[in-house]
Amino acid sequence: MLGVVILTDPNFTQIDFNKYPNFFIGVFYCLGSSVSSGFAYLMMRKMGNSIHSTVNPMWFGTFSVLMSYVTAAVF
């Protein structure tokens, strides 16, 4: 999340808002995806070794693809 803040230049000194009118939407998506990926990795760690090692990444990928379709349909 810190990397997103650094890359988006919090001083807003070099941003041409006429050229990039949807700048804040992109920043919002980046911050939201960093938070959601943090929660995903937290849940994967919480599952730990209670399931087989191939099931965890399979469901992580499946859920990510399904949620990307839902997000694309909403926006």
PDB file of N, CA and C in Angstrom:
ATOM      1  N   MET A   1       0.826  -1.171   0.000  1.00  0.00           N
ATOM      2  CA  MET A   1       0.000   0.000   0.000  1.00  0.00           C
ATOM      3  C   MET A   1       0.882   1.250   0.000  1.00  0.00           C
ATOM      4  N   LEU A   2       1.980   1.192   0.677  1.00  0.00           N
ATOM      5  CA  LEU A   2       2.894   2.327   0.695  1.00  0.00           C
ATOM      6  C   LEU A   2       3.438   2.600  -0.706  1.00  0.00           C
ATOM      7  N   GLY A   3       3.696   1.545  -1.465  1.00  0.00           N
ATOM      8  CA  GLY A   3       4.173   1.711  -2.838  1.00  0.00           C
ATOM      9  C   GLY A   3       3.161   2.420  -3.719  1.00  0.00           C
ATOM     10  N   VAL A   4       1.887   2.127  -3.535  1.00  0.00           N
ATOM     11  CA  VAL A   4       0.839   2.806  -4.304  1.00  0.00           C
ATOM     12  C   VAL A   4       0.826   4.289  -3.982  1.00  0.00           C
ATOM     13  N   VAL A   5       0.945   4.625  -2.723  1.00  0.00           N
ATOM     14  CA  VAL A   5       0.942   6.036  -2.317  1.00  0.00           C
ATOM     15  C   VAL A   5       2.159   6.758  -2.889  1.00  0.00           C
ATOM     16  N   ILE A   6       3.312   6.121  -2.852  1.00  0.00           N
ATOM     17  CA  ILE A   6       4.519   6.748  -3.380  1.00  0.00           C
ATOM     18  C   ILE A   6       4.420   6.942  -4.888  1.00  0.00           C
ATOM     19  N   LEU A   7       3.912   5.936  -5.607  1.00  0.00           N
ATOM     20  CA  LEU A   7       3.808   6.030  -7.059  1.00  0.00           C
ATOM     21  C   LEU A   7       2.785   7.058  -7.518  1.00  0.00           C
ATOM     22  N   THR A   8       1.754   7.300  -6.733  1.00  0.00           N
ATOM     23  CA  THR A   8       0.720   8.239  -7.150  1.00  0.00           C
ATOM     24  C   THR A   8       1.038   9.679  -6.772  1.00  0.00           C
ATOM     25  N   ASP A   9       2.197   9.926  -6.205  1.00  0.00           N
ATOM     26  CA  ASP A   9       2.677  11.269  -5.903  1.00  0.00           C
ATOM     27  C   ASP A   9       1.674  12.054  -5.070  1.00  0.00           C
ATOM     28  N   PRO A  10       1.702  11.886  -3.754  1.00  0.00           N
ATOM     29  CA  PRO A  10       0.722  12.557  -2.895  1.00  0.00           C
ATOM     30  C   PRO A  10       0.774  14.083  -2.956  1.00  0.00           C
ATOM     31  N   ASN A  11       1.837  14.662  -3.473  1.00  0.00           N
ATOM     32  CA  ASN A  11       1.906  16.118  -3.585  1.00  0.00           C
ATOM     33  C   ASN A  11       1.094  16.651  -4.755  1.00  0.00           C
ATOM     34  N   PHE A  12       0.738  15.785  -5.686  1.00  0.00           N
ATOM     35  CA  PHE A  12      -0.029  16.158  -6.886  1.00  0.00           C
ATOM     36  C   PHE A  12       0.666  17.255  -7.695  1.00  0.00           C
ATOM     37  N   THR A  13       1.978  17.238  -7.742  1.00  0.00           N
ATOM     38  CA  THR A  13       2.703  18.307  -8.431  1.00  0.00           C
ATOM     39  C   THR A  13       2.857  18.043  -9.921  1.00  0.00           C
ATOM     40  N   GLN A  14       2.911  16.794 -10.326  1.00  0.00           N
ATOM     41  CA  GLN A  14       3.189  16.485 -11.721  1.00  0.00           C
ATOM     42  C   GLN A  14       1.978  15.897 -12.439  1.00  0.00           C
ATOM     43  N   ILE A  15       0.801  15.966 -11.880  1.00  0.00           N
ATOM     44  CA  ILE A  15      -0.366  15.326 -12.458  1.00  0.00           C
ATOM     45  C   ILE A  15      -1.162  16.346 -13.262  1.00  0.00           C
ATOM     46  N   ASP A  16      -1.396  16.031 -14.525  1.00  0.00           N
ATOM     47  CA  ASP A  16      -2.226  16.869 -15.381  1.00  0.00           C
ATOM     48  C   ASP A  16      -3.628  16.263 -15.383  1.00  0.00           C
ATOM     49  N   PHE A  17      -4.532  16.858 -14.595  1.00  0.00           N
ATOM     50  CA  PHE A  17      -5.872  16.291 -14.451  1.00  0.00           C
ATOM     51  C   PHE A  17      -6.705  16.429 -15.718  1.00  0.00           C
ATOM     52  N   ASN A  18      -6.325  17.313 -16.620  1.00  0.00           N
ATOM     53  CA  ASN A  18      -7.023  17.393 -17.910  1.00  0.00           C
ATOM     54  C   ASN A  18      -6.661  16.207 -18.795  1.00  0.00           C
ATOM     55  N   LYS A  19      -5.421  15.752 -18.685  1.00  0.00           N
ATOM     56  CA  LYS A  19      -4.963  14.605 -19.469  1.00  0.00           C
ATOM     57  C   LYS A  19      -5.417  13.285 -18.844  1.00  0.00           C
ATOM     58  N   TYR A  20      -5.497  13.225 -17.519  1.00  0.00           N
ATOM     59  CA  TYR A  20      -5.889  12.015 -16.791  1.00  0.00           C
ATOM     60  C   TYR A  20      -7.085  12.321 -15.895  1.00  0.00           C
ATOM     61  N   PRO A  21      -8.295  12.422 -16.458  1.00  0.00           N
ATOM     62  CA  PRO A  21      -9.449  12.803 -15.631  1.00  0.00           C
ATOM     63  C   PRO A  21      -9.874  11.723 -14.634  1.00  0.00           C
ATOM     64  N   ASN A  22      -9.511  10.476 -14.881  1.00  0.00           N
ATOM     65  CA  ASN A  22      -9.911   9.372 -13.998  1.00  0.00           C
ATOM     66  C   ASN A  22      -8.768   8.938 -13.095  1.00  0.00           C
ATOM     67  N   PHE A  23      -7.898   9.839 -12.767  1.00  0.00           N
ATOM     68  CA  PHE A  23      -6.728   9.519 -11.953  1.00  0.00           C
ATOM     69  C   PHE A  23      -7.120   8.954 -10.597  1.00  0.00           C
ATOM     70  N   PHE A  24      -8.072   9.577  -9.929  1.00  0.00           N
ATOM     71  CA  PHE A  24      -8.445   9.134  -8.590  1.00  0.00           C
ATOM     72  C   PHE A  24      -9.157   7.787  -8.595  1.00  0.00           C
ATOM     73  N   ILE A  25      -9.826   7.440  -9.679  1.00  0.00           N
ATOM     74  CA  ILE A  25     -10.443   6.112  -9.783  1.00  0.00           C
ATOM     75  C   ILE A  25      -9.355   5.050  -9.817  1.00  0.00           C
ATOM     76  N   GLY A  26      -8.288   5.308 -10.565  1.00  0.00           N
ATOM     77  CA  GLY A  26      -7.162   4.372 -10.607  1.00  0.00           C
ATOM     78  C   GLY A  26      -6.483   4.216  -9.263  1.00  0.00           C
ATOM     79  N   VAL A  27      -6.324   5.318  -8.563  1.00  0.00           N
ATOM     80  CA  VAL A  27      -5.718   5.262  -7.225  1.00  0.00           C
ATOM     81  C   VAL A  27      -6.608   4.461  -6.283  1.00  0.00           C
ATOM     82  N   PHE A  28      -7.914   4.683  -6.371  1.00  0.00           N
ATOM     83  CA  PHE A  28      -8.859   3.943  -5.536  1.00  0.00           C
ATOM     84  C   PHE A  28      -8.773   2.441  -5.817  1.00  0.00           C
ATOM     85  N   TYR A  29      -8.718   2.049  -7.092  1.00  0.00           N
ATOM     86  CA  TYR A  29      -8.596   0.629  -7.439  1.00  0.00           C
ATOM     87  C   TYR A  29      -7.287   0.042  -6.911  1.00  0.00           C
ATOM     88  N   CYS A  30      -6.201   0.776  -7.040  1.00  0.00           N
ATOM     89  CA  CYS A  30      -4.913   0.267  -6.558  1.00  0.00           C
ATOM     90  C   CYS A  30      -4.913   0.068  -5.051  1.00  0.00           C
ATOM     91  N   LEU A  31      -5.437   1.044  -4.330  1.00  0.00           N
ATOM     92  CA  LEU A  31      -5.487   0.907  -2.874  1.00  0.00           C
ATOM     93  C   LEU A  31      -6.434  -0.211  -2.461  1.00  0.00           C
ATOM     94  N   GLY A  32      -7.568  -0.317  -3.131  1.00  0.00           N
ATOM     95  CA  GLY A  32      -8.515  -1.386  -2.818  1.00  0.00           C
ATOM     96  C   GLY A  32      -7.954  -2.764  -3.108  1.00  0.00           C
ATOM     97  N   SER A  33      -7.238  -2.896  -4.222  1.00  0.00           N
ATOM     98  CA  SER A  33      -6.671  -4.205  -4.538  1.00  0.00           C
ATOM     99  C   SER A  33      -5.536  -4.572  -3.589  1.00  0.00           C
ATOM    100  N   SER A  34      -4.787  -3.594  -3.112  1.00  0.00           N
ATOM    101  CA  SER A  34      -3.732  -3.926  -2.151  1.00  0.00           C
ATOM    102  C   SER A  34      -4.328  -4.375  -0.819  1.00  0.00           C
ATOM    103  N   VAL A  35      -5.421  -3.760  -0.413  1.00  0.00           N
ATOM    104  CA  VAL A  35      -6.080  -4.182   0.826  1.00  0.00           C
ATOM    105  C   VAL A  35      -6.696  -5.574   0.658  1.00  0.00           C
ATOM    106  N   SER A  36      -7.378  -5.811  -0.474  1.00  0.00           N
ATOM    107  CA  SER A  36      -8.017  -7.114  -0.673  1.00  0.00           C
ATOM    108  C   SER A  36      -6.991  -8.230  -0.827  1.00  0.00           C
ATOM    109  N   SER A  37      -5.856  -7.956  -1.469  1.00  0.00           N
ATOM    110  CA  SER A  37      -4.839  -8.998  -1.560  1.00  0.00           C
ATOM    111  C   SER A  37      -4.220  -9.276  -0.195  1.00  0.00           C
ATOM    112  N   GLY A  38      -4.118  -8.249   0.632  1.00  0.00           N
ATOM    113  CA  GLY A  38      -3.635  -8.468   1.998  1.00  0.00           C
ATOM    114  C   GLY A  38      -4.566  -9.376   2.782  1.00  0.00           C
ATOM    115  N   PHE A  39      -5.878  -9.153   2.643  1.00  0.00           N
ATOM    116  CA  PHE A  39      -6.843 -10.030   3.305  1.00  0.00           C
ATOM    117  C   PHE A  39      -6.790 -11.444   2.745  1.00  0.00           C
ATOM    118  N   ALA A  40      -6.594 -11.561   1.432  1.00  0.00           N
ATOM    119  CA  ALA A  40      -6.515 -12.891   0.827  1.00  0.00           C
ATOM    120  C   ALA A  40      -5.316 -13.665   1.364  1.00  0.00           C
ATOM    121  N   TYR A  41      -4.175 -13.018   1.445  1.00  0.00           N
ATOM    122  CA  TYR A  41      -2.999 -13.701   1.976  1.00  0.00           C
ATOM    123  C   TYR A  41      -3.148 -14.004   3.466  1.00  0.00           C
ATOM    124  N   LEU A  42      -3.842 -13.149   4.180  1.00  0.00           N
ATOM    125  CA  LEU A  42      -4.112 -13.414   5.589  1.00  0.00           C
ATOM    126  C   LEU A  42      -4.980 -14.659   5.745  1.00  0.00           C
ATOM    127  N   MET A  43      -6.005 -14.790   4.900  1.00  0.00           N
ATOM    128  CA  MET A  43      -6.881 -15.962   4.975  1.00  0.00           C
ATOM    129  C   MET A  43      -6.135 -17.229   4.547  1.00  0.00           C
ATOM    130  N   MET A  44      -5.256 -17.111   3.548  1.00  0.00           N
ATOM    131  CA  MET A  44      -4.474 -18.281   3.140  1.00  0.00           C
ATOM    132  C   MET A  44      -3.562 -18.731   4.275  1.00  0.00           C
ATOM    133  N   ARG A  45      -2.997 -17.785   4.986  1.00  0.00           N
ATOM    134  CA  ARG A  45      -2.138 -18.141   6.119  1.00  0.00           C
ATOM    135  C   ARG A  45      -2.951 -18.762   7.248  1.00  0.00           C
ATOM    136  N   LYS A  46      -4.172 -18.252   7.445  1.00  0.00           N
ATOM    137  CA  LYS A  46      -5.025 -18.771   8.497  1.00  0.00           C
ATOM    138  C   LYS A  46      -5.420 -20.225   8.230  1.00  0.00           C
ATOM    139  N   MET A  47      -5.619 -20.564   6.942  1.00  0.00           N
ATOM    140  CA  MET A  47      -5.940 -21.954   6.593  1.00  0.00           C
ATOM    141  C   MET A  47      -4.774 -22.866   6.907  1.00  0.00           C
ATOM    142  N   GLY A  48      -3.580 -22.367   6.689  1.00  0.00           N
ATOM    143  CA  GLY A  48      -2.372 -23.095   7.056  1.00  0.00           C
ATOM    144  C   GLY A  48      -2.264 -24.458   6.409  1.00  0.00           C
ATOM    145  N   ASN A  49      -1.934 -25.440   7.195  1.00  0.00           N
ATOM    146  CA  ASN A  49      -1.734 -26.795   6.701  1.00  0.00           C
ATOM    147  C   ASN A  49      -2.949 -27.674   6.918  1.00  0.00           C
ATOM    148  N   SER A  50      -4.096 -27.075   7.200  1.00  0.00           N
ATOM    149  CA  SER A  50      -5.288 -27.887   7.456  1.00  0.00           C
ATOM    150  C   SER A  50      -5.868 -28.484   6.177  1.00  0.00           C
ATOM    151  N   ILE A  51      -5.467 -27.960   5.006  1.00  0.00           N
ATOM    152  CA  ILE A  51      -5.934 -28.523   3.738  1.00  0.00           C
ATOM    153  C   ILE A  51      -4.724 -28.876   2.887  1.00  0.00           C
ATOM    154  N   HIS A  52      -4.979 -29.588   1.800  1.00  0.00           N
ATOM    155  CA  HIS A  52      -3.891 -29.984   0.906  1.00  0.00           C
ATOM    156  C   HIS A  52      -3.264 -28.745   0.273  1.00  0.00           C
ATOM    157  N   SER A  53      -1.979 -28.812  -0.021  1.00  0.00           N
ATOM    158  CA  SER A  53      -1.247 -27.631  -0.482  1.00  0.00           C
ATOM    159  C   SER A  53      -1.685 -27.140  -1.859  1.00  0.00           C
ATOM    160  N   THR A  54      -2.342 -27.971  -2.669  1.00  0.00           N
ATOM    161  CA  THR A  54      -2.788 -27.525  -3.993  1.00  0.00           C
ATOM    162  C   THR A  54      -4.179 -26.908  -3.965  1.00  0.00           C
ATOM    163  N   VAL A  55      -4.944 -27.170  -2.931  1.00  0.00           N
ATOM    164  CA  VAL A  55      -6.304 -26.643  -2.853  1.00  0.00           C
ATOM    165  C   VAL A  55      -6.293 -25.147  -2.568  1.00  0.00           C
ATOM    166  N   ASN A  56      -5.393 -24.710  -1.732  1.00  0.00           N
ATOM    167  CA  ASN A  56      -5.330 -23.310  -1.334  1.00  0.00           C
ATOM    168  C   ASN A  56      -5.119 -22.370  -2.526  1.00  0.00           C
ATOM    169  N   PRO A  57      -4.087 -22.550  -3.375  1.00  0.00           N
ATOM    170  CA  PRO A  57      -3.931 -21.643  -4.517  1.00  0.00           C
ATOM    171  C   PRO A  57      -5.022 -21.801  -5.571  1.00  0.00           C
ATOM    172  N   MET A  58      -5.613 -23.013  -5.682  1.00  0.00           N
ATOM    173  CA  MET A  58      -6.681 -23.204  -6.656  1.00  0.00           C
ATOM    174  C   MET A  58      -7.883 -22.343  -6.292  1.00  0.00           C
ATOM    175  N   TRP A  59      -8.295 -22.365  -5.036  1.00  0.00           N
ATOM    176  CA  TRP A  59      -9.439 -21.556  -4.626  1.00  0.00           C
ATOM    177  C   TRP A  59      -9.116 -20.073  -4.621  1.00  0.00           C
ATOM    178  N   PHE A  60      -7.871 -19.721  -4.337  1.00  0.00           N
ATOM    179  CA  PHE A  60      -7.448 -18.325  -4.396  1.00  0.00           C
ATOM    180  C   PHE A  60      -7.592 -17.797  -5.826  1.00  0.00           C
ATOM    181  N   GLY A  61      -7.122 -18.550  -6.800  1.00  0.00           N
ATOM    182  CA  GLY A  61      -7.236 -18.153  -8.206  1.00  0.00           C
ATOM    183  C   GLY A  61      -8.669 -18.128  -8.687  1.00  0.00           C
ATOM    184  N   THR A  62      -9.452 -19.130  -8.295  1.00  0.00           N
ATOM    185  CA  THR A  62     -10.849 -19.184  -8.706  1.00  0.00           C
ATOM    186  C   THR A  62     -11.630 -18.005  -8.155  1.00  0.00           C
ATOM    187  N   PHE A  63     -11.459 -17.713  -6.892  1.00  0.00           N
ATOM    188  CA  PHE A  63     -12.158 -16.593  -6.277  1.00  0.00           C
ATOM    189  C   PHE A  63     -11.729 -15.271  -6.913  1.00  0.00           C
ATOM    190  N   SER A  64     -10.443 -15.126  -7.216  1.00  0.00           N
ATOM    191  CA  SER A  64      -9.948 -13.885  -7.819  1.00  0.00           C
ATOM    192  C   SER A  64     -10.551 -13.664  -9.199  1.00  0.00           C
ATOM    193  N   VAL A  65     -10.636 -14.711  -9.993  1.00  0.00           N
ATOM    194  CA  VAL A  65     -11.213 -14.582 -11.335  1.00  0.00           C
ATOM    195  C   VAL A  65     -12.690 -14.235 -11.242  1.00  0.00           C
ATOM    196  N   LEU A  66     -13.424 -14.907 -10.381  1.00  0.00           N
ATOM    197  CA  LEU A  66     -14.859 -14.625 -10.245  1.00  0.00           C
ATOM    198  C   LEU A  66     -15.114 -13.200  -9.745  1.00  0.00           C
ATOM    199  N   MET A  67     -14.310 -12.750  -8.801  1.00  0.00           N
ATOM    200  CA  MET A  67     -14.506 -11.397  -8.301  1.00  0.00           C
ATOM    201  C   MET A  67     -14.108 -10.331  -9.327  1.00  0.00           C
ATOM    202  N   SER A  68     -13.156 -10.656 -10.197  1.00  0.00           N
ATOM    203  CA  SER A  68     -12.806  -9.691 -11.244  1.00  0.00           C
ATOM    204  C   SER A  68     -13.950  -9.544 -12.251  1.00  0.00           C
ATOM    205  N   TYR A  69     -14.677 -10.641 -12.536  1.00  0.00           N
ATOM    206  CA  TYR A  69     -15.839 -10.545 -13.420  1.00  0.00           C
ATOM    207  C   TYR A  69     -16.948  -9.737 -12.772  1.00  0.00           C
ATOM    208  N   VAL A  70     -17.165  -9.930 -11.488  1.00  0.00           N
ATOM    209  CA  VAL A  70     -18.194  -9.163 -10.777  1.00  0.00           C
ATOM    210  C   VAL A  70     -17.831  -7.680 -10.764  1.00  0.00           C
ATOM    211  N   THR A  71     -16.576  -7.378 -10.491  1.00  0.00           N
ATOM    212  CA  THR A  71     -16.145  -5.983 -10.461  1.00  0.00           C
ATOM    213  C   THR A  71     -16.257  -5.348 -11.848  1.00  0.00           C
ATOM    214  N   ALA A  72     -15.902  -6.089 -12.888  1.00  0.00           N
ATOM    215  CA  ALA A  72     -16.018  -5.554 -14.254  1.00  0.00           C
ATOM    216  C   ALA A  72     -17.480  -5.309 -14.619  1.00  0.00           C
ATOM    217  N   ALA A  73     -18.382  -6.179 -14.190  1.00  0.00           N
ATOM    218  CA  ALA A  73     -19.798  -5.990 -14.482  1.00  0.00           C
ATOM    219  C   ALA A  73     -20.374  -4.778 -13.751  1.00  0.00           C
ATOM    220  N   VAL A  74     -19.904  -4.533 -12.533  1.00  0.00           N
ATOM    221  CA  VAL A  74     -20.411  -3.406 -11.757  1.00  0.00           C
ATOM    222  C   VAL A  74     -19.932  -2.085 -12.348  1.00  0.00           C
ATOM    223  N   PHE A  75     -18.659  -2.037 -12.741  1.00  0.00           N
ATOM    224  CA  PHE A  75     -18.105  -0.781 -13.226  1.00  0.00           C
ATOM    225  C   PHE A  75     -18.123  -0.706 -14.717  1.00  0.00           C
TER     226      PHE A  75
END
